[in-house]
Amino acid sequence: MGNPINDLEATKIDLSHQEMDRLVTELENIWNAFAVGPEGEPTGVEWLPVAGIADALREDLGYEDMPEFEDALGGTFNDFLDKLPRIVKKETDGKFYFQILPEPPREQWKATRQTLTIQSRNDLWRVCLKSPHARVEIPELEFEISADGKKHIDSIYNHIAQAIFNLGNYVSSTRASMPPDTAARIMETVEQLNVLLDVEKPWTWIVHDPAGISVLKPADGVLLDEL
């Protein structure tokens, strides 16, 4: 069994929310271009070369060369893929290949609840794949990140940071018509979310997913309930 702290450090993704979202979206677009037909049917392509896709992704994202791309990733693209949920890799003749596992059809959904107690800042670097159907609950604040029909893959830290940004932006853009007490309550929530990022005491991250396809990685310490 590995050391949990080392495992967390190995899976840490030190990218902004926007850059992570852009990278994952481009990666999935490339995968779908090869593996998924115009009607959503499989094309027969099961594996893509890690090295070739790394170079294509680097170019699509506007990085000048591979060292610059790997510097942004904090390591090689091959290692970066290990940090992402629903990615499977294999090695053949010294070369690495990968595939992205498809979402199951609705008739195969199995609702789950995943509960993680955030005990230190290291836990904030766990990667959370929040499916399009999932919502996240932080019971200590009676706060929820609702399902929005989009898949989000990011560190827990960045999930919360994005929620903070969205709430602050909402107040700023609607303050003229928003009752002062409503704005005050929202900004109090923003302050409380910022405090959570300091992890002064343990708190809880709960992912409710009717499809059962959300993932927390690494999964040690995660309580999984099938509903």
Protein backbone atom coordinates (compact mmCIF):
# COMPACT_ATOMS: atom_id res chain seq x y z
CA MET A 1 0.00 0.00 0.00
CA GLY A 2 1.37 3.43 -0.96
CA ASN A 3 1.91 6.38 1.28
CA PRO A 4 -1.27 8.53 1.11
CA ILE A 5 0.70 11.79 1.24
CA ASN A 6 3.02 10.67 -1.56
CA ASP A 7 0.03 9.46 -3.58
CA LEU A 8 -1.65 12.85 -3.20
CA GLU A 9 1.51 14.66 -4.24
CA ALA A 10 1.89 12.37 -7.26
CA THR A 11 -1.64 13.13 -8.43
CA LYS A 12 -1.52 16.86 -7.71
CA ILE A 13 -2.53 19.03 -10.66
CA ASP A 14 -1.18 22.55 -10.30
CA LEU A 15 -3.16 24.23 -13.08
CA SER A 16 -5.72 27.01 -12.95
CA HIS A 17 -9.37 26.04 -13.35
CA GLN A 18 -9.51 27.68 -16.78
CA GLU A 19 -6.35 25.98 -18.05
CA MET A 20 -7.42 22.60 -16.71
CA ASP A 21 -10.84 22.94 -18.32
CA ARG A 22 -9.28 23.95 -21.63
CA LEU A 23 -6.80 21.08 -21.57
CA VAL A 24 -9.34 18.39 -20.71
CA THR A 25 -11.82 19.72 -23.28
CA GLU A 26 -9.19 19.64 -26.04
CA LEU A 27 -8.06 16.17 -25.00
CA GLU A 28 -11.62 14.86 -25.19
CA ASN A 29 -12.18 16.60 -28.53
CA ILE A 30 -9.12 14.87 -29.98
CA TRP A 31 -10.23 11.51 -28.58
CA ASN A 32 -13.74 11.92 -29.98
CA ALA A 33 -12.39 12.95 -33.39
CA PHE A 34 -10.66 9.58 -33.69
CA ALA A 35 -12.82 7.23 -31.63
CA VAL A 36 -16.40 8.48 -32.08
CA GLY A 37 -18.31 8.70 -35.35
CA PRO A 38 -20.71 11.48 -36.41
CA GLU A 39 -23.70 9.63 -34.94
CA GLY A 40 -21.89 8.81 -31.70
CA GLU A 41 -21.00 5.31 -32.84
CA PRO A 42 -17.55 3.77 -32.16
CA THR A 43 -15.15 4.08 -35.09
CA GLY A 44 -13.12 1.05 -34.09
CA VAL A 45 -10.22 3.14 -32.79
CA GLU A 46 -9.56 1.86 -29.27
CA TRP A 47 -6.16 3.35 -28.40
CA LEU A 48 -4.31 6.55 -29.25
CA PRO A 49 -0.54 7.10 -28.94
CA VAL A 50 0.40 9.20 -25.93
CA ALA A 51 3.38 10.86 -27.64
CA GLY A 52 1.50 11.82 -30.79
CA ILE A 53 -1.51 13.19 -28.94
CA ALA A 54 0.75 15.11 -26.57
CA ASP A 55 2.27 16.95 -29.52
CA ALA A 56 -1.12 17.61 -31.12
CA LEU A 57 -2.52 18.88 -27.83
CA ARG A 58 0.51 21.08 -27.24
CA GLU A 59 0.03 22.69 -30.64
CA ASP A 60 -3.74 23.11 -30.22
CA LEU A 61 -3.25 24.82 -26.86
CA GLY A 62 -0.61 27.18 -28.22
CA TYR A 63 2.48 26.02 -26.35
CA GLU A 64 5.69 26.78 -28.24
CA ASP A 65 7.42 23.47 -27.59
CA MET A 66 7.17 20.32 -25.49
CA PRO A 67 9.35 21.60 -22.61
CA GLU A 68 7.00 24.59 -22.20
CA PHE A 69 3.97 22.28 -22.30
CA GLU A 70 5.47 19.89 -19.76
CA ASP A 71 6.45 22.79 -17.53
CA ALA A 72 2.78 23.84 -17.46
CA LEU A 73 1.73 20.27 -16.69
CA GLY A 74 4.36 19.88 -13.99
CA GLY A 75 5.75 16.78 -15.69
CA THR A 76 5.34 14.66 -18.78
CA PHE A 77 2.02 14.29 -20.56
CA ASN A 78 2.28 10.55 -19.96
CA ASP A 79 2.41 11.15 -16.20
CA PHE A 80 -0.34 13.75 -16.43
CA LEU A 81 -2.73 11.17 -17.91
CA ASP A 82 -2.26 9.05 -14.78
CA LYS A 83 -3.80 11.87 -12.75
CA LEU A 84 -7.02 11.99 -14.75
CA PRO A 85 -10.05 9.83 -13.95
CA ARG A 86 -11.49 7.51 -16.62
CA ILE A 87 -8.20 7.35 -18.52
CA VAL A 88 -6.72 3.89 -19.19
CA LYS A 89 -3.17 3.40 -20.45
CA LYS A 90 -1.18 0.49 -21.83
CA GLU A 91 2.41 -0.01 -22.93
CA THR A 92 3.29 -1.88 -26.12
CA ASP A 93 6.85 -2.26 -27.39
CA GLY A 94 8.01 0.55 -25.16
CA LYS A 95 5.35 2.99 -26.36
CA PHE A 96 2.36 4.20 -24.36
CA TYR A 97 -1.23 4.34 -25.57
CA PHE A 98 -4.39 5.56 -23.86
CA GLN A 99 -8.15 5.52 -24.12
CA ILE A 100 -10.93 7.50 -22.46
CA LEU A 101 -13.63 5.30 -20.98
CA PRO A 102 -17.11 6.22 -22.24
CA GLU A 103 -19.97 7.10 -19.95
CA PRO A 104 -22.42 4.23 -19.44
CA PRO A 105 -25.90 4.50 -20.99
CA ARG A 106 -28.66 5.70 -18.68
CA GLU A 107 -30.05 2.18 -18.21
CA GLN A 108 -26.73 1.19 -16.63
CA TRP A 109 -26.53 4.09 -14.18
CA LYS A 110 -25.95 3.21 -10.53
CA ALA A 111 -26.44 6.10 -8.14
CA THR A 112 -23.58 6.72 -5.71
CA ARG A 113 -22.60 8.99 -2.88
CA GLN A 114 -18.89 9.59 -2.30
CA THR A 115 -17.83 11.18 0.96
CA LEU A 116 -14.38 12.54 1.69
CA THR A 117 -13.30 14.25 4.89
CA ILE A 118 -10.89 17.04 4.02
CA GLN A 119 -8.32 16.85 6.79
CA SER A 120 -5.40 18.83 5.36
CA ARG A 121 -4.52 21.02 2.40
CA ASN A 122 -3.08 17.94 0.70
CA ASP A 123 -6.63 16.65 0.30
CA LEU A 124 -7.53 19.75 -1.71
CA TRP A 125 -5.28 18.51 -4.52
CA ARG A 126 -7.26 15.34 -5.06
CA VAL A 127 -8.79 15.31 -8.52
CA CYS A 128 -12.59 15.26 -8.65
CA LEU A 129 -14.41 14.32 -11.82
CA LYS A 130 -17.87 15.80 -11.29
CA SER A 131 -20.17 14.27 -13.87
CA PRO A 132 -22.77 16.35 -15.74
CA HIS A 133 -25.41 14.85 -13.45
CA ALA A 134 -23.65 15.20 -10.09
CA ARG A 135 -23.93 17.73 -7.33
CA VAL A 136 -21.44 18.41 -4.55
CA GLU A 137 -22.51 19.06 -0.99
CA ILE A 138 -20.49 20.72 1.78
CA PRO A 139 -22.77 20.08 4.77
CA GLU A 140 -20.78 22.24 7.19
CA LEU A 141 -21.86 25.30 5.19
CA GLU A 142 -25.15 23.92 3.87
CA PHE A 143 -23.60 24.71 0.49
CA GLU A 144 -24.07 22.90 -2.80
CA ILE A 145 -22.44 22.98 -6.22
CA SER A 146 -25.33 21.93 -8.43
CA ALA A 147 -25.34 19.74 -11.51
CA ASP A 148 -25.01 21.92 -14.60
CA GLY A 149 -25.04 19.39 -17.43
CA LYS A 150 -21.28 19.61 -17.96
CA LYS A 151 -18.45 17.36 -16.87
CA HIS A 152 -15.82 19.03 -14.71
CA ILE A 153 -12.41 17.52 -13.95
CA ASP A 154 -10.35 19.55 -11.53
CA SER A 155 -8.73 19.60 -8.12
CA ILE A 156 -11.10 20.06 -5.19
CA TYR A 157 -9.27 23.33 -4.54
CA ASN A 158 -10.12 24.62 -8.01
CA HIS A 159 -13.73 23.43 -7.81
CA ILE A 160 -14.16 25.60 -4.71
CA ALA A 161 -12.15 28.49 -6.12
CA GLN A 162 -14.42 28.53 -9.16
CA ALA A 163 -17.51 28.53 -6.94
CA ILE A 164 -16.05 31.51 -5.05
CA PHE A 165 -15.42 33.32 -8.33
CA ASN A 166 -18.92 32.57 -9.65
CA LEU A 167 -20.62 33.81 -6.49
CA GLY A 168 -18.53 36.98 -6.34
CA ASN A 169 -19.14 37.68 -10.01
CA TYR A 170 -22.88 37.14 -9.55
CA VAL A 171 -23.03 39.68 -6.73
CA SER A 172 -20.95 42.20 -8.69
CA SER A 173 -23.10 41.93 -11.80
CA THR A 174 -26.48 42.09 -10.02
CA ARG A 175 -25.73 44.24 -6.98
CA ALA A 176 -27.78 47.17 -8.30
CA SER A 177 -30.98 45.11 -8.23
CA MET A 178 -30.09 42.71 -5.41
CA PRO A 179 -31.43 43.30 -1.88
CA PRO A 180 -28.52 44.25 0.39
CA ASP A 181 -29.19 41.41 2.83
CA THR A 182 -29.07 38.87 -0.03
CA ALA A 183 -25.74 40.23 -1.23
CA ALA A 184 -24.41 40.13 2.32
CA ARG A 185 -25.42 36.49 2.78
CA ILE A 186 -23.78 35.48 -0.50
CA MET A 187 -20.57 37.29 0.37
CA GLU A 188 -20.61 35.63 3.78
CA THR A 189 -20.71 32.28 1.98
CA VAL A 190 -17.77 33.39 -0.17
CA GLU A 191 -15.83 34.19 2.98
CA GLN A 192 -16.70 30.82 4.51
CA LEU A 193 -15.58 29.00 1.36
CA ASN A 194 -12.27 30.84 1.48
CA VAL A 195 -11.82 29.71 5.08
CA LEU A 196 -12.40 26.10 4.00
CA LEU A 197 -9.40 26.37 1.69
CA ASP A 198 -7.22 27.00 4.74
CA VAL A 199 -8.44 23.69 6.24
CA GLU A 200 -8.25 25.02 9.78
CA LYS A 201 -10.45 22.09 10.78
CA PRO A 202 -11.80 19.03 8.92
CA TRP A 203 -14.79 19.43 6.64
CA THR A 204 -16.71 17.22 4.24
CA TRP A 205 -16.88 16.96 0.44
CA ILE A 206 -19.81 14.81 -0.70
CA VAL A 207 -20.45 13.97 -4.35
CA HIS A 208 -23.99 12.81 -5.12
CA ASP A 209 -24.21 11.26 -8.58
CA PRO A 210 -27.31 9.51 -9.97
CA ALA A 211 -25.16 8.11 -12.79
CA GLY A 212 -22.41 6.85 -10.50
CA ILE A 213 -19.63 8.00 -12.83
CA SER A 214 -18.07 10.77 -10.76
CA VAL A 215 -14.60 9.93 -9.49
CA LEU A 216 -12.31 11.11 -6.71
CA LYS A 217 -8.65 10.32 -7.28
CA PRO A 218 -6.80 9.06 -5.33
CA ALA A 219 -9.67 7.20 -3.69
CA ASP A 220 -8.05 6.30 -0.37
CA GLY A 221 -10.20 7.58 2.48
CA VAL A 222 -13.24 8.04 0.22
CA LEU A 223 -16.42 6.41 1.53
CA LEU A 224 -18.45 5.08 -1.41
CA ASP A 225 -22.13 4.30 -0.94
CA GLU A 226 -24.20 2.72 -3.70
CA LEU A 227 -27.75 4.01 -3.45
